[in-house]
């Protein structure tokens, strides 16, 4: 699967995506032969927990460690991972329409709903 399906998507589930290609186009002064200057990249990764490098066909995710109440926002939740999968499937479905893609999207959405309900029950 090519990550080009994520081009043009700036956020998932309220989390800004760090897209290497888009960042380097906007900030060519931060470019090194291997990509984004490592010092700059480290700072960006502390604020953006979804990182897309379509040049290397990679998605890097930082998962929430502990509760937001205890630790603050330091990563993404499982719901965000599922939302990312939905975004990829939707883009692929635009190119290669299939009722199975739509069915998978519906099941993924049901998973998000179940996890959100679990979270609400914990708070309740």
C-alpha atoms as a PDB file:
ATOM      1  CA  UNK A   1       0.000   0.000   0.000  1.00  0.00           C
ATOM      2  CA  UNK A   2       1.299   3.393  -0.875  1.00  0.00           C
ATOM      3  CA  UNK A   3       1.045   6.129   1.708  1.00  0.00           C
ATOM      4  CA  UNK A   4       0.255   8.545  -1.077  1.00  0.00           C
ATOM      5  CA  UNK A   5      -3.348   7.781  -0.088  1.00  0.00           C
ATOM      6  CA  UNK A   6      -2.763  10.032   2.943  1.00  0.00           C
ATOM      7  CA  UNK A   7      -1.634  13.050   0.936  1.00  0.00           C
ATOM      8  CA  UNK A   8      -3.763  16.040   1.692  1.00  0.00           C
ATOM      9  CA  UNK A   9      -4.890  14.730   5.085  1.00  0.00           C
ATOM     10  CA  UNK A  10      -3.552  17.104   7.734  1.00  0.00           C
ATOM     11  CA  UNK A  11      -5.108  15.561  10.837  1.00  0.00           C
ATOM     12  CA  UNK A  12      -6.715  12.396  12.133  1.00  0.00           C
ATOM     13  CA  UNK A  13      -9.034  12.393  15.128  1.00  0.00           C
ATOM     14  CA  UNK A  14      -7.852  15.880  16.113  1.00  0.00           C
ATOM     15  CA  UNK A  15      -4.132  14.979  15.908  1.00  0.00           C
ATOM     16  CA  UNK A  16      -2.006  16.898  13.425  1.00  0.00           C
ATOM     17  CA  UNK A  17      -0.044  14.665  11.052  1.00  0.00           C
ATOM     18  CA  UNK A  18       3.635  15.291  10.491  1.00  0.00           C
ATOM     19  CA  UNK A  19       4.016  14.578   6.781  1.00  0.00           C
ATOM     20  CA  UNK A  20       7.699  14.647   5.882  1.00  0.00           C
ATOM     21  CA  UNK A  21       7.172  15.595   2.224  1.00  0.00           C
ATOM     22  CA  UNK A  22       4.760  18.439   3.020  1.00  0.00           C
ATOM     23  CA  UNK A  23       6.971  19.716   5.839  1.00  0.00           C
ATOM     24  CA  UNK A  24      10.091  19.759   3.651  1.00  0.00           C
ATOM     25  CA  UNK A  25       8.225  21.522   0.846  1.00  0.00           C
ATOM     26  CA  UNK A  26       7.249  24.248   3.324  1.00  0.00           C
ATOM     27  CA  UNK A  27      10.660  24.322   5.082  1.00  0.00           C
ATOM     28  CA  UNK A  28      13.398  23.424   2.570  1.00  0.00           C
ATOM     29  CA  UNK A  29      16.004  24.925   4.918  1.00  0.00           C
ATOM     30  CA  UNK A  30      15.440  21.916   7.244  1.00  0.00           C
ATOM     31  CA  UNK A  31      16.265  19.368   4.531  1.00  0.00           C
ATOM     32  CA  UNK A  32      19.236  17.011   4.813  1.00  0.00           C
ATOM     33  CA  UNK A  33      20.214  14.259   2.353  1.00  0.00           C
ATOM     34  CA  UNK A  34      18.216  11.769   4.452  1.00  0.00           C
ATOM     35  CA  UNK A  35      15.136  13.935   5.113  1.00  0.00           C
ATOM     36  CA  UNK A  36      14.281  16.367   7.908  1.00  0.00           C
ATOM     37  CA  UNK A  37      17.182  17.624  10.019  1.00  0.00           C
ATOM     38  CA  UNK A  38      17.234  15.201  13.013  1.00  0.00           C
ATOM     39  CA  UNK A  39      17.295  18.004  15.626  1.00  0.00           C
ATOM     40  CA  UNK A  40      14.260  19.650  14.034  1.00  0.00           C
ATOM     41  CA  UNK A  41      12.528  16.275  13.634  1.00  0.00           C
ATOM     42  CA  UNK A  42      12.887  15.443  17.321  1.00  0.00           C
ATOM     43  CA  UNK A  43      11.136  18.674  18.295  1.00  0.00           C
ATOM     44  CA  UNK A  44       8.361  18.070  15.771  1.00  0.00           C
ATOM     45  CA  UNK A  45       7.801  14.537  17.050  1.00  0.00           C
ATOM     46  CA  UNK A  46       7.164  15.816  20.571  1.00  0.00           C
ATOM     47  CA  UNK A  47       4.125  17.733  19.337  1.00  0.00           C
ATOM     48  CA  UNK A  48       2.858  15.480  16.546  1.00  0.00           C
ATOM     49  CA  UNK A  49       2.137  11.867  17.363  1.00  0.00           C
ATOM     50  CA  UNK A  50       1.339  10.672  13.818  1.00  0.00           C
ATOM     51  CA  UNK A  51       4.236  10.798  11.392  1.00  0.00           C
ATOM     52  CA  UNK A  52       3.963   9.906   7.693  1.00  0.00           C
ATOM     53  CA  UNK A  53       7.050   9.400   5.574  1.00  0.00           C
ATOM     54  CA  UNK A  54       5.745   8.353   2.162  1.00  0.00           C
ATOM     55  CA  UNK A  55       9.280   8.412   0.771  1.00  0.00           C
ATOM     56  CA  UNK A  56      10.027   5.375   2.957  1.00  0.00           C
ATOM     57  CA  UNK A  57       6.402   4.128   3.017  1.00  0.00           C
ATOM     58  CA  UNK A  58       6.252   4.443   6.829  1.00  0.00           C
ATOM     59  CA  UNK A  59       3.753   5.577   9.401  1.00  0.00           C
ATOM     60  CA  UNK A  60       5.133   6.122  12.900  1.00  0.00           C
ATOM     61  CA  UNK A  61       2.723   6.434  15.811  1.00  0.00           C
ATOM     62  CA  UNK A  62       3.307   7.518  19.388  1.00  0.00           C
ATOM     63  CA  UNK A  63       0.831   5.730  21.634  1.00  0.00           C
ATOM     64  CA  UNK A  64      -0.630   7.430  24.728  1.00  0.00           C
ATOM     65  CA  UNK A  65       1.215   6.330  27.861  1.00  0.00           C
ATOM     66  CA  UNK A  66      -1.015   6.511  30.926  1.00  0.00           C
ATOM     67  CA  UNK A  67      -4.172   8.532  31.227  1.00  0.00           C
ATOM     68  CA  UNK A  68      -4.363  12.062  29.897  1.00  0.00           C
ATOM     69  CA  UNK A  69      -5.441  13.148  33.388  1.00  0.00           C
ATOM     70  CA  UNK A  70      -2.267  11.678  34.930  1.00  0.00           C
ATOM     71  CA  UNK A  71       0.314  12.125  32.162  1.00  0.00           C
ATOM     72  CA  UNK A  72      -1.112  14.766  29.835  1.00  0.00           C
ATOM     73  CA  UNK A  73      -1.462  14.165  26.104  1.00  0.00           C
ATOM     74  CA  UNK A  74       1.656  12.272  25.105  1.00  0.00           C
ATOM     75  CA  UNK A  75       0.362  10.143  22.246  1.00  0.00           C
ATOM     76  CA  UNK A  76      -2.665   8.823  20.401  1.00  0.00           C
ATOM     77  CA  UNK A  77      -5.386   6.442  21.537  1.00  0.00           C
ATOM     78  CA  UNK A  78      -6.436   3.192  19.870  1.00  0.00           C
ATOM     79  CA  UNK A  79      -9.419   5.068  18.428  1.00  0.00           C
ATOM     80  CA  UNK A  80      -7.013   7.276  16.492  1.00  0.00           C
ATOM     81  CA  UNK A  81      -5.206   4.255  15.044  1.00  0.00           C
ATOM     82  CA  UNK A  82      -8.541   2.900  13.850  1.00  0.00           C
ATOM     83  CA  UNK A  83      -9.480   6.336  12.450  1.00  0.00           C
ATOM     84  CA  UNK A  84      -6.193   6.311  10.524  1.00  0.00           C
ATOM     85  CA  UNK A  85      -7.075   2.910   9.056  1.00  0.00           C
ATOM     86  CA  UNK A  86     -10.493   4.280   8.069  1.00  0.00           C
ATOM     87  CA  UNK A  87      -8.886   7.267   6.328  1.00  0.00           C
ATOM     88  CA  UNK A  88      -6.579   4.986   4.325  1.00  0.00           C
ATOM     89  CA  UNK A  89      -9.462   2.673   3.388  1.00  0.00           C
ATOM     90  CA  UNK A  90     -11.630   5.598   2.277  1.00  0.00           C
ATOM     91  CA  UNK A  91      -8.881   6.935   0.035  1.00  0.00           C
ATOM     92  CA  UNK A  92      -8.207   3.471  -1.400  1.00  0.00           C
ATOM     93  CA  UNK A  93     -11.922   2.951  -1.928  1.00  0.00           C
ATOM     94  CA  UNK A  94     -12.016   6.122  -4.013  1.00  0.00           C
ATOM     95  CA  UNK A  95      -9.471   4.498  -6.344  1.00  0.00           C
ATOM     96  CA  UNK A  96     -10.603   0.863  -6.073  1.00  0.00           C
ATOM     97  CA  UNK A  97     -14.247   0.855  -5.039  1.00  0.00           C
ATOM     98  CA  UNK A  98     -15.426  -2.272  -3.234  1.00  0.00           C
ATOM     99  CA  UNK A  99     -18.377  -3.056  -1.030  1.00  0.00           C
ATOM    100  CA  UNK A 100     -15.906  -4.940   1.187  1.00  0.00           C
ATOM    101  CA  UNK A 101     -14.000  -1.683   1.803  1.00  0.00           C
ATOM    102  CA  UNK A 102     -17.240  -0.020   2.872  1.00  0.00           C
ATOM    103  CA  UNK A 103     -18.082  -2.973   5.122  1.00  0.00           C
ATOM    104  CA  UNK A 104     -14.629  -2.813   6.736  1.00  0.00           C
ATOM    105  CA  UNK A 105     -15.014   0.953   7.301  1.00  0.00           C
ATOM    106  CA  UNK A 106     -18.352   0.342   9.034  1.00  0.00           C
ATOM    107  CA  UNK A 107     -16.816  -2.324  11.297  1.00  0.00           C
ATOM    108  CA  UNK A 108     -13.887  -0.071  12.159  1.00  0.00           C
ATOM    109  CA  UNK A 109     -16.313   2.738  13.008  1.00  0.00           C
ATOM    110  CA  UNK A 110     -18.252   0.348  15.261  1.00  0.00           C
ATOM    111  CA  UNK A 111     -14.938  -0.432  17.019  1.00  0.00           C
ATOM    112  CA  UNK A 112     -14.347   3.272  17.657  1.00  0.00           C
ATOM    113  CA  UNK A 113     -17.877   3.604  19.027  1.00  0.00           C
ATOM    114  CA  UNK A 114     -17.343   0.639  21.387  1.00  0.00           C
ATOM    115  CA  UNK A 115     -14.051   2.053  22.675  1.00  0.00           C
ATOM    116  CA  UNK A 116     -15.582   5.505  23.178  1.00  0.00           C
ATOM    117  CA  UNK A 117     -18.462   3.893  25.118  1.00  0.00           C
ATOM    118  CA  UNK A 118     -15.956   2.010  27.286  1.00  0.00           C
ATOM    119  CA  UNK A 119     -14.144   5.269  27.993  1.00  0.00           C
ATOM    120  CA  UNK A 120     -17.420   7.018  28.880  1.00  0.00           C
ATOM    121  CA  UNK A 121     -18.323   4.181  31.270  1.00  0.00           C
ATOM    122  CA  UNK A 122     -14.976   4.554  33.036  1.00  0.00           C
ATOM    123  CA  UNK A 123     -15.547   8.276  33.522  1.00  0.00           C
ATOM    124  CA  UNK A 124     -19.182   7.765  34.555  1.00  0.00           C
END
